[in-house]
Amino acid sequence: MYEYVGLIVLFPFLGFLINGLIGSRIKSESVIGIIGSGAVGLSFAVAVAIFFEMISFPVENRSQVVTIFNWLNVGSISINAAYQVDQLSILMTLVVTGVGFLIHVYAMGYMHGDSGFWRFFSYLNLFIFMMLNLVLADNFLLMFLGWEGVGLCSYLLIGFWYDKKFEKGTTGDAAKKAFVVNRIGDFGFMIAMFLIFITFGSLKFDAVFAQANAFSIGDVTIFWIALLLFVGATGKSAQIPLFVWLPDAMAGPTPVSALIHAATMVTAGVYMVARASIFFALSPTVMTIVAVIGVLTAIFAASIGLVQNGIKKVLAYSTISQLGYMFLALGVGSFAAGIFHVVTHAFFKALLFLGAGAVIHAMH
């Protein structure tokens, strides 16, 4: 089943293309919704099949790289569009597609009657496609492509009702704020990627992590790589000081809030730190920074959430606080606990947001 991992990524992309290209000509909202939801549901089904095959193998044989095609050849640089199927990536894939599917189904009712119904589902499918590229990538460049794609989709979805007013302007303003703040973090990730290539001569996880084992604990180069990767994570996962975009992101439709907070986007930073855990393990100073930022964010955001009146604002600050707990776990070296909380948080926060959305929808 491993060889079918490409289908997990392909189905949401096909949903994006179909709804994006001909969605405006499809008169039935049900058909548009079924195409969008069905694409993610099929991805989830394939992911479940691969997961059950994986757990039948011995632990040491569970990781496999599946090459889809040769993506980039420039001089001595050769980069494949390849997906790494292992315990970490398949777990994240199940969360993204499973929770994503439920949010798609919910959105069919929530967005009923909206003039941009087809456009909304097209964007949702693109969001899932980009997030799957991020979590399944076997190299930093493909991960960065998914990383930036998720940022683009968040801009499109937060600002979906771009002229709608809220307390700080329009939803278009909130989308721009999210886009700009995330670019600050992304710059750190990009510089880290340059350093990785200069140091190791490759961007493939297997090659880079194998060479990293030869470095001593506290090495200066590893310190800067880990620190810059964490800068990228703070932007995407809304940690101090780059958390300011997330509360305003609530201006978008509720399914978007649920998708950003539960299954995609904000979990990307936690996943990236866990994936590159070798760099952090070799740099105790950065691990301490990660833990301290996590603790400060958890306490700070929870204290702000206590005095909020808006139902979605309370949940937004709750998300920032819970992400702080995840980074605390990563910072003290408990990577498995951090990822475990990503999974539990995805389900309970999606439920909270969809419940809040049902209340908001009923009140209007």
Protein backbone atom coordinates (compact mmCIF):
# COMPACT_ATOMS: atom_id res chain seq x y z
CA MET A 1 0.00 0.00 0.00
CA TYR A 2 2.93 2.37 0.53
CA GLU A 3 3.17 3.00 -3.21
CA TYR A 4 -0.34 4.53 -3.12
CA VAL A 5 0.72 7.38 -0.83
CA GLY A 6 0.64 9.73 -3.83
CA LEU A 7 -3.14 9.24 -4.00
CA ILE A 8 -3.50 10.79 -0.54
CA VAL A 9 -2.09 14.03 -1.93
CA LEU A 10 -3.68 13.70 -5.39
CA PHE A 11 -7.34 13.47 -4.37
CA PRO A 12 -7.57 16.92 -2.67
CA PHE A 13 -5.68 18.45 -5.61
CA LEU A 14 -8.23 16.99 -8.04
CA GLY A 15 -11.03 18.37 -5.86
CA PHE A 16 -9.36 21.78 -5.98
CA LEU A 17 -9.07 21.64 -9.78
CA ILE A 18 -12.63 20.43 -10.43
CA ASN A 19 -14.32 22.94 -8.11
CA GLY A 20 -11.89 25.70 -9.07
CA LEU A 21 -12.28 25.31 -12.84
CA ILE A 22 -15.92 24.31 -13.30
CA GLY A 23 -17.44 24.87 -9.85
CA SER A 24 -19.06 28.15 -10.93
CA ARG A 25 -21.00 26.23 -13.62
CA ILE A 26 -22.22 23.53 -11.24
CA LYS A 27 -25.62 24.68 -10.03
CA SER A 28 -25.97 22.18 -7.20
CA GLU A 29 -24.24 23.00 -3.91
CA SER A 30 -24.56 19.34 -2.92
CA VAL A 31 -22.47 18.22 -5.91
CA ILE A 32 -19.76 20.81 -5.14
CA GLY A 33 -19.74 19.78 -1.48
CA ILE A 34 -19.61 16.07 -2.29
CA ILE A 35 -16.68 16.60 -4.68
CA GLY A 36 -14.74 18.62 -2.08
CA SER A 37 -15.60 16.41 0.90
CA GLY A 38 -15.29 13.17 -1.07
CA ALA A 39 -11.76 14.04 -2.20
CA VAL A 40 -10.58 14.41 1.40
CA GLY A 41 -12.58 11.37 2.50
CA LEU A 42 -10.83 9.22 -0.13
CA SER A 43 -7.45 10.52 1.07
CA PHE A 44 -8.37 9.53 4.61
CA ALA A 45 -9.39 6.04 3.46
CA VAL A 46 -6.03 5.50 1.71
CA ALA A 47 -4.17 6.83 4.77
CA VAL A 48 -6.05 4.39 7.03
CA ALA A 49 -5.17 1.48 4.72
CA ILE A 50 -1.47 2.46 4.73
CA PHE A 51 -1.54 2.88 8.52
CA PHE A 52 -2.88 -0.64 9.09
CA GLU A 53 -0.30 -2.08 6.71
CA MET A 54 2.44 -0.14 8.53
CA ILE A 55 1.59 -1.46 11.99
CA SER A 56 1.86 -5.02 10.66
CA PHE A 57 5.59 -4.44 9.98
CA PRO A 58 8.38 -4.55 12.59
CA VAL A 59 9.17 -1.06 13.96
CA GLU A 60 12.54 -0.87 12.18
CA ASN A 61 10.90 -1.52 8.76
CA ARG A 62 8.07 1.01 8.95
CA SER A 63 9.79 3.95 7.24
CA GLN A 64 9.82 4.14 3.46
CA VAL A 65 10.38 6.87 0.86
CA VAL A 66 8.11 6.81 -2.20
CA THR A 67 9.39 8.86 -5.16
CA ILE A 68 6.66 10.33 -7.37
CA PHE A 69 8.85 12.09 -9.96
CA ASN A 70 12.12 13.97 -10.37
CA TRP A 71 11.23 17.57 -9.55
CA LEU A 72 14.38 19.67 -9.83
CA ASN A 73 17.74 19.22 -11.55
CA VAL A 74 20.09 22.21 -11.31
CA GLY A 75 23.80 21.47 -11.66
CA SER A 76 24.68 18.93 -8.99
CA ILE A 77 21.38 19.46 -7.18
CA SER A 78 18.74 16.81 -7.76
CA ILE A 79 15.52 16.98 -5.78
CA ASN A 80 12.64 14.53 -6.11
CA ALA A 81 8.98 15.04 -5.36
CA ALA A 82 9.04 12.19 -2.85
CA TYR A 83 7.00 11.34 0.21
CA GLN A 84 8.34 9.84 3.42
CA VAL A 85 5.91 7.38 4.95
CA ASP A 86 6.76 6.70 8.58
CA GLN A 87 5.03 6.70 11.95
CA LEU A 88 5.21 10.48 12.36
CA SER A 89 4.04 11.42 8.85
CA ILE A 90 1.20 8.88 8.68
CA LEU A 91 -0.10 9.99 12.09
CA MET A 92 -0.18 13.62 10.96
CA THR A 93 -1.75 12.56 7.65
CA LEU A 94 -4.57 10.78 9.50
CA VAL A 95 -5.19 13.92 11.58
CA VAL A 96 -5.15 16.26 8.56
CA THR A 97 -7.42 14.11 6.38
CA GLY A 98 -9.67 12.78 9.17
CA VAL A 99 -10.42 16.08 10.88
CA GLY A 100 -10.30 17.85 7.50
CA PHE A 101 -13.02 15.54 6.13
CA LEU A 102 -15.32 16.27 9.08
CA ILE A 103 -14.79 20.02 8.64
CA HIS A 104 -15.58 19.74 4.90
CA VAL A 105 -18.86 17.96 5.67
CA TYR A 106 -19.73 20.60 8.28
CA ALA A 107 -18.92 23.39 5.80
CA MET A 108 -21.56 22.06 3.37
CA GLY A 109 -24.24 23.16 5.83
CA TYR A 110 -22.46 26.21 7.23
CA MET A 111 -21.77 27.81 3.83
CA HIS A 112 -25.17 26.91 2.32
CA GLY A 113 -26.47 29.74 0.15
CA ASP A 114 -23.15 31.60 -0.04
CA SER A 115 -22.41 32.98 -3.52
CA GLY A 116 -18.79 31.78 -3.27
CA PHE A 117 -19.68 28.22 -2.20
CA TRP A 118 -17.67 26.60 -5.01
CA ARG A 119 -14.69 28.88 -4.41
CA PHE A 120 -14.71 28.09 -0.70
CA PHE A 121 -14.49 24.32 -1.26
CA SER A 122 -11.80 24.81 -3.88
CA TYR A 123 -9.69 26.73 -1.34
CA LEU A 124 -10.35 24.13 1.38
CA ASN A 125 -9.13 21.31 -0.88
CA LEU A 126 -6.03 23.32 -1.81
CA PHE A 127 -5.37 23.89 1.91
CA ILE A 128 -5.48 20.13 2.60
CA PHE A 129 -3.29 19.43 -0.45
CA MET A 130 -0.60 21.85 0.75
CA MET A 131 -0.70 20.54 4.32
CA LEU A 132 -0.30 16.96 3.08
CA ASN A 133 2.75 17.99 1.05
CA LEU A 134 4.17 19.55 4.21
CA VAL A 135 3.73 16.50 6.45
CA LEU A 136 4.65 13.83 3.88
CA ALA A 137 7.65 15.58 2.27
CA ASP A 138 10.96 13.71 2.39
CA ASN A 139 13.05 16.88 1.96
CA PHE A 140 13.12 20.43 3.29
CA LEU A 141 12.34 22.03 -0.09
CA LEU A 142 9.08 20.14 -0.61
CA MET A 143 8.20 20.80 3.03
CA PHE A 144 8.84 24.52 2.44
CA LEU A 145 6.58 24.44 -0.64
CA GLY A 146 3.77 23.02 1.50
CA TRP A 147 4.65 25.47 4.29
CA GLU A 148 4.24 28.47 1.98
CA GLY A 149 1.17 26.96 0.32
CA VAL A 150 -0.57 26.64 3.69
CA GLY A 151 0.23 30.32 4.34
CA LEU A 152 -1.27 31.30 0.97
CA CYS A 153 -4.43 29.27 1.59
CA SER A 154 -4.86 30.80 5.05
CA TYR A 155 -4.76 34.24 3.41
CA LEU A 156 -7.42 33.22 0.86
CA LEU A 157 -9.70 31.62 3.46
CA ILE A 158 -9.38 34.11 6.34
CA GLY A 159 -10.21 36.89 3.87
CA PHE A 160 -12.94 34.88 2.11
CA TRP A 161 -15.56 37.44 3.12
CA TYR A 162 -13.03 40.19 2.40
CA ASP A 163 -15.41 43.14 2.83
CA LYS A 164 -17.05 41.90 6.04
CA LYS A 165 -16.50 44.20 9.01
CA PHE A 166 -15.27 43.10 12.43
CA GLU A 167 -13.89 45.02 15.43
CA LYS A 168 -10.46 45.69 13.89
CA GLY A 169 -11.42 46.46 10.29
CA THR A 170 -12.36 43.99 7.56
CA THR A 171 -11.61 40.29 7.18
CA GLY A 172 -9.33 41.32 4.31
CA ASP A 173 -7.20 43.22 6.85
CA ALA A 174 -7.07 40.13 9.11
CA ALA A 175 -5.94 38.01 6.14
CA LYS A 176 -3.16 40.47 5.29
CA LYS A 177 -2.02 40.51 8.92
CA ALA A 178 -1.80 36.70 8.99
CA PHE A 179 0.09 36.68 5.70
CA VAL A 180 2.66 39.31 6.74
CA VAL A 181 3.34 37.92 10.24
CA ASN A 182 3.81 34.43 8.82
CA ARG A 183 6.35 35.75 6.31
CA ILE A 184 8.55 36.84 9.24
CA GLY A 185 8.69 33.29 10.55
CA ASP A 186 9.07 31.85 7.04
CA PHE A 187 12.18 33.95 6.52
CA GLY A 188 13.80 32.12 9.45
CA PHE A 189 12.86 28.75 7.96
CA MET A 190 14.30 29.78 4.59
CA ILE A 191 17.64 30.90 6.08
CA ALA A 192 17.81 27.63 8.04
CA MET A 193 17.27 25.74 4.79
CA PHE A 194 20.18 27.60 3.16
CA LEU A 195 22.40 26.76 6.15
CA ILE A 196 21.37 23.10 5.98
CA PHE A 197 22.27 22.87 2.29
CA ILE A 198 25.61 24.66 2.77
CA THR A 199 26.50 22.43 5.74
CA PHE A 200 25.26 19.04 4.54
CA GLY A 201 25.13 19.42 0.74
CA SER A 202 21.59 18.03 0.65
CA LEU A 203 18.04 18.85 1.68
CA LYS A 204 16.84 15.24 1.99
CA PHE A 205 15.89 14.32 5.54
CA ASP A 206 17.68 10.95 5.48
CA ALA A 207 20.98 12.39 4.24
CA VAL A 208 20.89 15.48 6.46
CA PHE A 209 19.93 13.71 9.71
CA ALA A 210 22.49 10.93 9.16
CA GLN A 211 25.29 13.51 8.80
CA ALA A 212 23.99 15.59 11.72
CA ASN A 213 24.70 12.67 14.08
CA ALA A 214 28.42 13.27 13.53
CA PHE A 215 28.23 16.79 15.03
CA SER A 216 29.00 17.39 18.68
CA ILE A 217 26.42 18.67 21.15
CA GLY A 218 26.45 22.48 21.23
CA ASP A 219 27.96 22.88 17.73
CA VAL A 220 27.52 26.51 16.58
CA THR A 221 26.20 25.64 13.10
CA ILE A 222 23.61 23.25 14.52
CA PHE A 223 22.63 25.92 17.07
CA TRP A 224 21.82 28.43 14.32
CA ILE A 225 19.98 25.87 12.19
CA ALA A 226 17.81 24.82 15.16
CA LEU A 227 17.18 28.41 16.25
CA LEU A 228 16.16 29.54 12.75
CA LEU A 229 13.89 26.53 12.31
CA PHE A 230 12.24 27.46 15.60
CA VAL A 231 11.75 31.05 14.36
CA GLY A 232 9.81 29.53 11.45
CA ALA A 233 7.79 27.42 13.87
CA THR A 234 6.90 30.40 16.09
CA GLY A 235 5.35 32.19 13.11
CA LYS A 236 3.27 29.27 11.89
CA SER A 237 2.32 28.00 15.35
CA ALA A 238 1.58 31.44 16.83
CA GLN A 239 4.11 31.57 19.67
CA ILE A 240 5.41 34.72 21.38
CA PRO A 241 6.07 37.18 19.77
CA LEU A 242 4.45 36.09 16.46
CA PHE A 243 1.06 35.08 17.88
CA VAL A 244 -0.76 38.32 16.97
CA TRP A 245 -2.22 37.05 13.68
CA LEU A 246 -4.16 34.11 15.11
CA PRO A 247 -6.89 35.88 17.15
CA ASP A 248 -7.75 38.10 14.16
CA ALA A 249 -7.93 35.02 11.92
CA MET A 250 -11.25 34.32 13.66
CA ALA A 251 -12.79 36.87 11.30
CA GLY A 252 -12.99 34.17 8.62
CA PRO A 253 -15.77 31.55 8.29
CA THR A 254 -15.92 29.09 11.21
CA PRO A 255 -14.88 26.02 9.14
CA VAL A 256 -11.69 27.93 8.29
CA SER A 257 -11.06 28.67 11.97
CA ALA A 258 -11.50 24.98 12.78
CA LEU A 259 -9.20 23.89 9.96
CA ILE A 260 -6.44 26.38 10.83
CA HIS A 261 -6.60 25.69 14.58
CA ALA A 262 -7.17 21.94 14.59
CA ALA A 263 -5.94 20.03 11.55
CA THR A 264 -3.58 22.32 9.66
CA MET A 265 -1.38 25.41 9.81
CA VAL A 266 -0.78 25.91 13.55
CA THR A 267 0.29 22.27 13.99
CA ALA A 268 2.85 22.67 11.18
CA GLY A 269 5.43 24.30 13.46
CA VAL A 270 5.16 21.53 16.05
CA TYR A 271 5.49 18.89 13.33
CA MET A 272 8.54 20.59 11.81
CA VAL A 273 10.37 20.74 15.16
CA ALA A 274 9.53 17.07 15.81
CA ARG A 275 10.69 16.08 12.32
CA ALA A 276 14.00 17.96 12.73
CA SER A 277 14.37 16.78 16.35
CA ILE A 278 18.02 15.75 15.79
CA PHE A 279 19.03 19.43 15.41
CA PHE A 280 17.26 20.40 18.62
CA ALA A 281 18.62 17.41 20.54
CA LEU A 282 22.15 18.53 19.57
CA SER A 283 21.49 22.08 20.79
CA PRO A 284 20.46 22.18 24.48
CA THR A 285 20.40 25.99 24.42
CA VAL A 286 17.74 26.05 21.69
CA MET A 287 15.78 23.34 23.52
CA THR A 288 15.73 25.61 26.57
CA ILE A 289 14.55 28.54 24.42
CA VAL A 290 11.76 26.36 22.94
CA ALA A 291 10.62 25.29 26.42
CA VAL A 292 10.71 28.84 27.84
CA ILE A 293 8.80 30.31 24.88
CA GLY A 294 6.27 27.49 25.22
CA VAL A 295 5.70 28.13 28.93
CA LEU A 296 5.42 31.91 28.48
CA THR A 297 2.99 31.51 25.56
CA ALA A 298 0.84 28.99 27.45
CA ILE A 299 0.44 31.26 30.50
CA PHE A 300 0.23 34.55 28.57
CA ALA A 301 -2.42 33.39 26.07
CA ALA A 302 -4.52 31.65 28.72
CA SER A 303 -4.59 34.83 30.81
CA ILE A 304 -5.77 36.86 27.79
CA GLY A 305 -8.40 34.24 26.95
CA LEU A 306 -9.91 34.54 30.44
CA VAL A 307 -11.13 38.10 29.76
CA GLN A 308 -12.41 37.65 26.19
CA ASN A 309 -16.11 37.97 25.43
CA GLY A 310 -16.28 36.59 21.87
CA ILE A 311 -16.80 32.82 21.71
CA LYS A 312 -14.27 32.34 18.89
CA LYS A 313 -11.72 34.70 20.50
CA VAL A 314 -11.72 32.57 23.67
CA LEU A 315 -11.02 29.49 21.54
CA ALA A 316 -8.30 31.32 19.60
CA TYR A 317 -6.34 32.17 22.74
CA SER A 318 -6.99 28.65 24.03
CA THR A 319 -5.31 27.33 20.88
CA ILE A 320 -2.26 29.58 21.35
CA SER A 321 -2.02 28.41 24.97
CA GLN A 322 -2.28 24.72 24.03
CA LEU A 323 0.40 25.18 21.37
CA GLY A 324 2.59 26.55 24.14
CA TYR A 325 2.16 23.24 26.01
CA MET A 326 3.17 21.36 22.85
CA PHE A 327 6.35 23.40 22.49
CA LEU A 328 7.09 22.93 26.19
CA ALA A 329 6.97 19.16 25.63
CA LEU A 330 9.27 19.48 22.61
CA GLY A 331 11.64 21.76 24.54
CA VAL A 332 12.14 19.27 27.35
CA GLY A 333 12.86 16.50 24.85
CA SER A 334 9.51 14.73 25.03
CA PHE A 335 8.79 14.81 21.30
CA ALA A 336 6.28 11.93 21.46
CA ALA A 337 4.24 13.77 24.12
CA GLY A 338 4.21 16.93 21.99
CA ILE A 339 2.86 15.05 18.97
CA PHE A 340 0.37 13.17 21.17
CA HIS A 341 -1.04 16.51 22.27
CA VAL A 342 -1.22 17.66 18.63
CA VAL A 343 -3.52 14.70 17.92
CA THR A 344 -5.75 15.12 20.99
CA HIS A 345 -5.94 18.89 20.49
CA ALA A 346 -6.93 18.47 16.83
CA PHE A 347 -10.07 16.58 17.75
CA PHE A 348 -11.24 18.52 20.80
CA LYS A 349 -10.52 21.93 19.27
CA ALA A 350 -12.24 21.04 15.98
CA LEU A 351 -15.30 19.97 18.00
CA LEU A 352 -15.24 23.20 20.03
CA PHE A 353 -15.00 25.38 16.92
CA LEU A 354 -17.71 23.52 15.04
CA GLY A 355 -19.94 23.73 18.12
CA ALA A 356 -19.25 27.47 18.35
CA GLY A 357 -20.00 27.81 14.63
CA ALA A 358 -23.34 26.04 15.09
CA VAL A 359 -24.25 28.56 17.82
CA ILE A 360 -23.15 31.55 15.67
CA HIS A 361 -25.03 30.17 12.64
CA ALA A 362 -28.21 29.65 14.69
CA MET A 363 -28.01 33.19 16.13
CA HIS A 364 -27.90 34.72 12.65
